[in-house]
N, C-alpha and C. Protein backbone atom coordinates (compact mmCIF):
# COMPACT_ATOMS: atom_id res chain seq x y z
N UNK A 1 15.02 9.28 20.76
CA UNK A 1 14.39 9.76 19.54
C UNK A 1 13.43 10.89 19.93
N UNK A 2 13.59 11.99 19.26
CA UNK A 2 12.73 13.14 19.56
C UNK A 2 11.43 13.03 18.76
N UNK A 3 10.48 13.87 19.14
CA UNK A 3 9.19 13.89 18.46
C UNK A 3 9.36 14.35 17.02
N UNK A 4 10.27 15.29 16.77
CA UNK A 4 10.50 15.76 15.40
C UNK A 4 11.03 14.65 14.51
N UNK A 5 11.95 13.85 15.03
CA UNK A 5 12.48 12.73 14.24
C UNK A 5 11.38 11.72 13.97
N UNK A 6 10.60 11.39 14.98
CA UNK A 6 9.51 10.42 14.80
C UNK A 6 8.49 10.93 13.79
N UNK A 7 8.18 12.20 13.86
CA UNK A 7 7.25 12.79 12.91
C UNK A 7 7.81 12.72 11.49
N UNK A 8 9.08 12.98 11.33
CA UNK A 8 9.72 12.88 10.03
C UNK A 8 9.73 11.46 9.50
N UNK A 9 10.02 10.51 10.36
CA UNK A 9 10.01 9.10 9.96
C UNK A 9 8.62 8.68 9.51
N UNK A 10 7.60 9.04 10.30
CA UNK A 10 6.23 8.68 9.92
C UNK A 10 5.81 9.34 8.61
N UNK A 11 6.21 10.59 8.42
CA UNK A 11 5.87 11.28 7.18
C UNK A 11 6.50 10.62 5.97
N UNK A 12 7.80 10.31 6.05
CA UNK A 12 8.47 9.66 4.92
C UNK A 12 7.98 8.23 4.71
N UNK A 13 7.66 7.52 5.78
CA UNK A 13 7.09 6.18 5.64
C UNK A 13 5.75 6.25 4.90
N UNK A 14 4.95 7.25 5.21
CA UNK A 14 3.67 7.40 4.53
C UNK A 14 3.88 7.70 3.05
N UNK A 15 4.83 8.57 2.73
CA UNK A 15 5.10 8.91 1.33
C UNK A 15 5.59 7.68 0.56
N UNK A 16 6.52 6.95 1.14
CA UNK A 16 7.06 5.76 0.47
C UNK A 16 5.98 4.70 0.31
N UNK A 17 5.19 4.48 1.35
CA UNK A 17 4.12 3.47 1.26
C UNK A 17 3.04 3.87 0.25
N UNK A 18 2.69 5.14 0.19
CA UNK A 18 1.72 5.57 -0.81
C UNK A 18 2.28 5.41 -2.22
N UNK A 19 3.58 5.63 -2.38
CA UNK A 19 4.22 5.38 -3.67
C UNK A 19 4.15 3.91 -4.06
N UNK A 20 4.41 3.02 -3.11
CA UNK A 20 4.29 1.58 -3.38
C UNK A 20 2.86 1.19 -3.71
N UNK A 21 1.91 1.77 -3.01
CA UNK A 21 0.51 1.50 -3.28
C UNK A 21 0.13 1.97 -4.68
N UNK A 22 0.57 3.15 -5.05
CA UNK A 22 0.30 3.67 -6.40
C UNK A 22 0.95 2.78 -7.46
N UNK A 23 2.18 2.34 -7.22
CA UNK A 23 2.88 1.45 -8.15
C UNK A 23 2.10 0.14 -8.33
N UNK A 24 1.64 -0.43 -7.23
CA UNK A 24 0.86 -1.67 -7.28
C UNK A 24 -0.41 -1.47 -8.10
N UNK A 25 -1.13 -0.38 -7.82
CA UNK A 25 -2.37 -0.09 -8.53
C UNK A 25 -2.11 0.11 -10.03
N UNK A 26 -1.11 0.92 -10.37
CA UNK A 26 -0.82 1.18 -11.78
C UNK A 26 -0.36 -0.08 -12.50
N UNK A 27 0.39 -0.92 -11.83
CA UNK A 27 0.82 -2.17 -12.44
C UNK A 27 -0.39 -3.04 -12.76
N UNK A 28 -1.37 -3.10 -11.86
CA UNK A 28 -2.55 -3.91 -12.11
C UNK A 28 -3.45 -3.30 -13.19
N UNK A 29 -3.48 -1.98 -13.28
CA UNK A 29 -4.31 -1.34 -14.29
C UNK A 29 -3.71 -1.49 -15.68
N UNK A 30 -2.42 -1.20 -15.81
CA UNK A 30 -1.81 -1.15 -17.13
C UNK A 30 -1.14 -2.45 -17.57
N UNK A 31 -0.84 -3.35 -16.65
CA UNK A 31 -0.19 -4.61 -17.01
C UNK A 31 -0.93 -5.80 -16.39
N UNK A 32 -2.24 -5.71 -16.32
CA UNK A 32 -3.04 -6.73 -15.65
C UNK A 32 -2.80 -8.12 -16.23
N UNK A 33 -2.85 -8.23 -17.55
CA UNK A 33 -2.70 -9.54 -18.17
C UNK A 33 -1.32 -10.14 -17.90
N UNK A 34 -0.29 -9.33 -17.99
CA UNK A 34 1.06 -9.82 -17.72
C UNK A 34 1.22 -10.27 -16.27
N UNK A 35 0.71 -9.46 -15.34
CA UNK A 35 0.80 -9.82 -13.92
C UNK A 35 0.01 -11.10 -13.66
N UNK A 36 -1.17 -11.22 -14.27
CA UNK A 36 -1.97 -12.43 -14.08
C UNK A 36 -1.24 -13.66 -14.64
N UNK A 37 -0.64 -13.52 -15.81
CA UNK A 37 0.10 -14.65 -16.39
C UNK A 37 1.25 -15.07 -15.48
N UNK A 38 1.95 -14.09 -14.93
CA UNK A 38 3.07 -14.41 -14.04
C UNK A 38 2.59 -15.14 -12.79
N UNK A 39 1.50 -14.68 -12.19
CA UNK A 39 0.99 -15.32 -10.98
C UNK A 39 0.33 -16.66 -11.28
N UNK A 40 -0.32 -16.77 -12.42
CA UNK A 40 -1.01 -18.03 -12.71
C UNK A 40 -0.04 -19.15 -13.04
N UNK A 41 1.21 -18.84 -13.29
CA UNK A 41 2.22 -19.89 -13.44
C UNK A 41 2.47 -20.59 -12.12
N UNK A 42 2.43 -19.82 -11.03
CA UNK A 42 2.70 -20.37 -9.71
C UNK A 42 1.44 -20.90 -9.04
N UNK A 43 0.34 -20.18 -9.21
CA UNK A 43 -0.91 -20.53 -8.55
C UNK A 43 -2.00 -20.65 -9.61
N UNK A 44 -2.65 -21.76 -9.65
CA UNK A 44 -3.73 -21.99 -10.62
C UNK A 44 -5.02 -21.38 -10.07
N UNK A 45 -5.21 -20.08 -10.33
CA UNK A 45 -6.39 -19.38 -9.84
C UNK A 45 -7.12 -18.72 -11.00
N UNK A 46 -8.43 -18.64 -10.92
CA UNK A 46 -9.17 -17.92 -11.96
C UNK A 46 -8.94 -16.41 -11.83
N UNK A 47 -9.18 -15.71 -12.91
CA UNK A 47 -8.91 -14.27 -12.95
C UNK A 47 -9.77 -13.51 -11.94
N UNK A 48 -10.99 -13.98 -11.67
CA UNK A 48 -11.85 -13.31 -10.69
C UNK A 48 -11.24 -13.38 -9.28
N UNK A 49 -10.69 -14.54 -8.94
CA UNK A 49 -10.05 -14.70 -7.63
C UNK A 49 -8.79 -13.85 -7.55
N UNK A 50 -8.05 -13.81 -8.64
CA UNK A 50 -6.84 -12.97 -8.72
C UNK A 50 -7.18 -11.51 -8.47
N UNK A 51 -8.21 -11.01 -9.17
CA UNK A 51 -8.61 -9.62 -9.02
C UNK A 51 -9.10 -9.33 -7.60
N UNK A 52 -9.91 -10.24 -7.06
CA UNK A 52 -10.44 -10.03 -5.71
C UNK A 52 -9.32 -10.04 -4.67
N UNK A 53 -8.35 -10.92 -4.85
CA UNK A 53 -7.23 -11.00 -3.91
C UNK A 53 -6.40 -9.73 -3.94
N UNK A 54 -6.11 -9.24 -5.14
CA UNK A 54 -5.33 -8.00 -5.24
C UNK A 54 -6.12 -6.80 -4.73
N UNK A 55 -7.40 -6.76 -5.01
CA UNK A 55 -8.22 -5.66 -4.50
C UNK A 55 -8.22 -5.66 -2.97
N UNK A 56 -8.40 -6.84 -2.37
CA UNK A 56 -8.39 -6.94 -0.91
C UNK A 56 -7.02 -6.55 -0.36
N UNK A 57 -5.95 -6.94 -1.04
CA UNK A 57 -4.61 -6.57 -0.60
C UNK A 57 -4.38 -5.07 -0.65
N UNK A 58 -4.85 -4.44 -1.73
CA UNK A 58 -4.71 -2.99 -1.86
C UNK A 58 -5.50 -2.28 -0.76
N UNK A 59 -6.70 -2.75 -0.49
CA UNK A 59 -7.53 -2.15 0.56
C UNK A 59 -6.85 -2.30 1.93
N UNK A 60 -6.35 -3.49 2.21
CA UNK A 60 -5.68 -3.72 3.50
C UNK A 60 -4.44 -2.84 3.63
N UNK A 61 -3.65 -2.74 2.56
CA UNK A 61 -2.44 -1.93 2.58
C UNK A 61 -2.77 -0.46 2.78
N UNK A 62 -3.82 0.01 2.12
CA UNK A 62 -4.23 1.41 2.27
C UNK A 62 -4.68 1.70 3.70
N UNK A 63 -5.46 0.81 4.28
CA UNK A 63 -5.91 1.00 5.66
C UNK A 63 -4.71 0.98 6.61
N UNK A 64 -3.76 0.07 6.37
CA UNK A 64 -2.57 0.00 7.22
C UNK A 64 -1.75 1.28 7.12
N UNK A 65 -1.64 1.86 5.93
CA UNK A 65 -0.90 3.12 5.77
C UNK A 65 -1.57 4.21 6.59
N UNK A 66 -2.88 4.29 6.51
CA UNK A 66 -3.58 5.34 7.25
C UNK A 66 -3.46 5.14 8.76
N UNK A 67 -3.66 3.91 9.22
CA UNK A 67 -3.66 3.65 10.66
C UNK A 67 -2.26 3.72 11.25
N UNK A 68 -1.26 3.24 10.53
CA UNK A 68 0.08 3.13 11.09
C UNK A 68 1.00 4.30 10.75
N UNK A 69 0.68 5.08 9.72
CA UNK A 69 1.56 6.17 9.32
C UNK A 69 0.89 7.54 9.36
N UNK A 70 -0.21 7.69 8.66
CA UNK A 70 -0.79 9.01 8.46
C UNK A 70 -1.48 9.53 9.72
N UNK A 71 -2.28 8.72 10.36
CA UNK A 71 -2.98 9.17 11.57
C UNK A 71 -1.99 9.50 12.69
N UNK A 72 -0.97 8.63 12.98
CA UNK A 72 0.01 9.03 14.00
C UNK A 72 0.80 10.28 13.61
N UNK A 73 1.08 10.46 12.32
CA UNK A 73 1.80 11.65 11.87
C UNK A 73 0.98 12.91 12.20
N UNK A 74 -0.31 12.90 11.84
CA UNK A 74 -1.13 14.07 12.12
C UNK A 74 -1.38 14.25 13.62
N UNK A 75 -1.45 13.17 14.36
CA UNK A 75 -1.59 13.29 15.82
C UNK A 75 -0.36 13.98 16.41
N UNK A 76 0.82 13.64 15.93
CA UNK A 76 2.03 14.31 16.41
C UNK A 76 2.08 15.77 15.94
N UNK A 77 1.56 16.04 14.77
CA UNK A 77 1.51 17.44 14.28
C UNK A 77 0.58 18.27 15.17
N UNK A 78 -0.52 17.69 15.60
CA UNK A 78 -1.48 18.41 16.43
C UNK A 78 -0.90 18.64 17.83
N UNK A 79 -0.26 17.64 18.38
CA UNK A 79 0.25 17.70 19.75
C UNK A 79 1.41 18.69 19.85
N UNK A 80 2.30 18.69 18.88
CA UNK A 80 3.49 19.55 19.00
C UNK A 80 3.39 20.75 18.10
C-alpha cells in the first residue's frame, strides 16, 4: 500500500465518518422523541440519561474521527 492510497483511504474514512456523525446529530435534533421512544422500549431509562449517553457517544465518536482519521491524514499530507 502506497502513501497516496493510505492518504486517500484516511480522507474518505473521515468524510464518511463525519457524515455518520452529522446524521446521528440531526436525527437526535429533529427526531428526538421518536428515537427516545424506540430506545425506551428496550431500555427503561429516563430522558436525561438518554440525552447524556448520546451526547457522550457523539463526543467520543468525534474525538475518534479526529485521532484516527483526520490527524493521520494531515500528517501524511505534511510528510509527502
